[in-house]
Amino acid sequence: MQAKAILRHTPTSPRKMRLVAGLVRGKQVDQAKAILHNSTKSASRNVMVTLKSAVANWSQLNPDERASDNELFVKAVFVDEGPSLKRLLPAPMGRAYRIRKRSNHLTIVVDKVDNKVTK
């Protein structure tokens, strides 16, 4: 049974978060943690926290099953756009430039690997 974790209203642009989310899509959880631990992007911390939460949610939903990090994999990762804060920046000659401070919603779904051999 799959489990998911959602991190909402993260003050990072969705484009920057999607770059990090693409690194772990389809990987095993232990590989994904290693990739995120060695990533230089600041969004990798938020993805790591959400990934750990999804693994904990999986263990809560499946109390009678035990699975290590190499038996779980990242089934889906997607980043949706959150609300934007609109601010004004003074510009020359009495004008103002609009600044959009973007946010995003990160969703991670984990599931157990099926090692069944089909003939």
Protein backbone atom coordinates (compact mmCIF):
# COMPACT_ATOMS: atom_id res chain seq x y z
CA MET A 1 0.00 0.00 0.00
CA GLN A 2 1.37 3.38 -0.97
CA ALA A 3 1.75 6.36 1.31
CA LYS A 4 2.22 10.04 0.58
CA ALA A 5 3.44 13.18 2.26
CA ILE A 6 2.65 16.76 1.27
CA LEU A 7 4.67 19.87 2.09
CA ARG A 8 2.61 22.99 1.47
CA HIS A 9 3.44 26.68 1.11
CA THR A 10 7.19 26.25 0.71
CA PRO A 11 8.73 29.66 -0.07
CA THR A 12 10.68 28.46 -3.12
CA SER A 13 9.74 28.88 -6.74
CA PRO A 14 8.18 25.74 -8.24
CA ARG A 15 10.76 25.69 -11.03
CA LYS A 16 13.67 25.38 -8.56
CA MET A 17 11.85 22.67 -6.59
CA ARG A 18 11.07 20.67 -9.75
CA LEU A 19 14.79 20.47 -10.55
CA VAL A 20 15.43 18.67 -7.26
CA ALA A 21 12.25 16.57 -7.43
CA GLY A 22 13.30 15.21 -10.81
CA LEU A 23 16.50 13.84 -9.31
CA VAL A 24 14.69 11.39 -7.01
CA ARG A 25 11.71 10.38 -9.17
CA GLY A 26 11.55 6.57 -9.53
CA LYS A 27 14.58 5.89 -7.30
CA GLN A 28 14.79 3.66 -4.25
CA VAL A 29 14.49 5.57 -0.98
CA ASP A 30 18.07 4.93 0.14
CA GLN A 31 19.41 6.13 -3.23
CA ALA A 32 17.13 9.18 -3.12
CA LYS A 33 18.37 10.09 0.37
CA ALA A 34 21.99 9.81 -0.79
CA ILE A 35 21.30 12.03 -3.80
CA LEU A 36 19.54 14.65 -1.68
CA HIS A 37 22.24 14.57 1.01
CA ASN A 38 24.93 15.36 -1.58
CA SER A 39 22.92 17.93 -3.52
CA THR A 40 23.98 21.58 -3.32
CA LYS A 41 20.47 22.92 -3.98
CA SER A 42 18.71 24.49 -1.00
CA ALA A 43 15.42 22.86 -2.01
CA SER A 44 16.95 19.43 -1.34
CA ARG A 45 16.44 19.92 2.42
CA ASN A 46 12.70 20.32 1.96
CA VAL A 47 12.53 17.29 -0.33
CA MET A 48 14.51 15.23 2.21
CA VAL A 49 12.14 16.15 5.05
CA THR A 50 9.10 15.28 2.95
CA LEU A 51 10.65 12.00 1.82
CA LYS A 52 11.33 10.97 5.42
CA SER A 53 7.75 11.87 6.29
CA ALA A 54 6.40 9.74 3.43
CA VAL A 55 8.47 6.75 4.63
CA ALA A 56 7.15 7.25 8.17
CA ASN A 57 3.60 7.47 6.81
CA TRP A 58 4.15 4.18 4.95
CA SER A 59 5.25 2.45 8.15
CA GLN A 60 2.21 3.85 9.99
CA LEU A 61 -0.15 2.58 7.29
CA ASN A 62 1.51 -0.87 7.23
CA PRO A 63 2.23 -1.72 10.90
CA ASP A 64 2.48 -5.48 10.32
CA GLU A 65 4.97 -5.15 7.42
CA ARG A 66 8.62 -4.25 7.78
CA ALA A 67 10.54 -2.65 4.95
CA SER A 68 13.95 -1.08 4.83
CA ASP A 69 14.82 1.95 2.72
CA ASN A 70 16.06 -0.19 -0.16
CA GLU A 71 12.70 -2.01 -0.36
CA LEU A 72 10.75 1.24 -0.77
CA PHE A 73 10.84 3.44 -3.86
CA VAL A 74 9.63 6.88 -4.81
CA LYS A 75 6.56 6.16 -6.89
CA ALA A 76 5.62 9.76 -7.70
CA VAL A 77 6.96 13.24 -7.03
CA PHE A 78 5.23 16.36 -8.24
CA VAL A 79 5.39 20.05 -7.47
CA ASP A 80 2.36 22.30 -7.79
CA GLU A 81 2.35 26.07 -7.74
CA GLY A 82 1.27 27.67 -4.48
CA PRO A 83 0.07 31.19 -3.78
CA SER A 84 2.29 34.10 -4.80
CA LEU A 85 2.94 37.08 -2.57
CA LYS A 86 2.87 40.27 -4.59
CA ARG A 87 5.24 43.04 -3.54
CA LEU A 88 6.27 46.37 -5.06
CA LEU A 89 9.83 47.55 -5.67
CA PRO A 90 10.47 51.25 -6.26
CA ALA A 91 11.66 52.04 -9.77
CA PRO A 92 13.01 55.18 -11.44
CA MET A 93 10.79 58.14 -12.35
CA GLY A 94 8.07 57.37 -9.81
CA ARG A 95 7.25 53.91 -11.15
CA ALA A 96 7.07 50.59 -9.31
CA TYR A 97 8.03 47.09 -10.37
CA ARG A 98 5.97 44.13 -9.22
CA ILE A 99 7.86 41.36 -7.42
CA ARG A 100 6.17 37.95 -7.25
CA LYS A 101 7.42 35.82 -4.36
CA ARG A 102 6.38 32.36 -5.44
CA SER A 103 5.65 29.30 -3.33
CA ASN A 104 4.94 25.65 -4.06
CA HIS A 105 3.34 22.46 -2.81
CA LEU A 106 5.48 19.29 -2.88
CA THR A 107 3.90 15.81 -2.92
CA ILE A 108 5.88 12.57 -2.60
CA VAL A 109 4.35 9.08 -2.91
CA VAL A 110 6.30 5.99 -1.80
CA ASP A 111 5.46 2.33 -2.24
CA LYS A 112 7.05 -1.07 -1.71
CA VAL A 113 9.01 -2.69 -4.55
CA ASP A 114 7.36 -5.83 -5.95
CA ASN A 115 10.05 -8.41 -6.73
CA LYS A 116 7.65 -10.94 -8.28
CA VAL A 117 9.04 -12.78 -11.28
CA THR A 118 6.48 -13.21 -14.05
CA LYS A 119 6.84 -15.86 -16.77
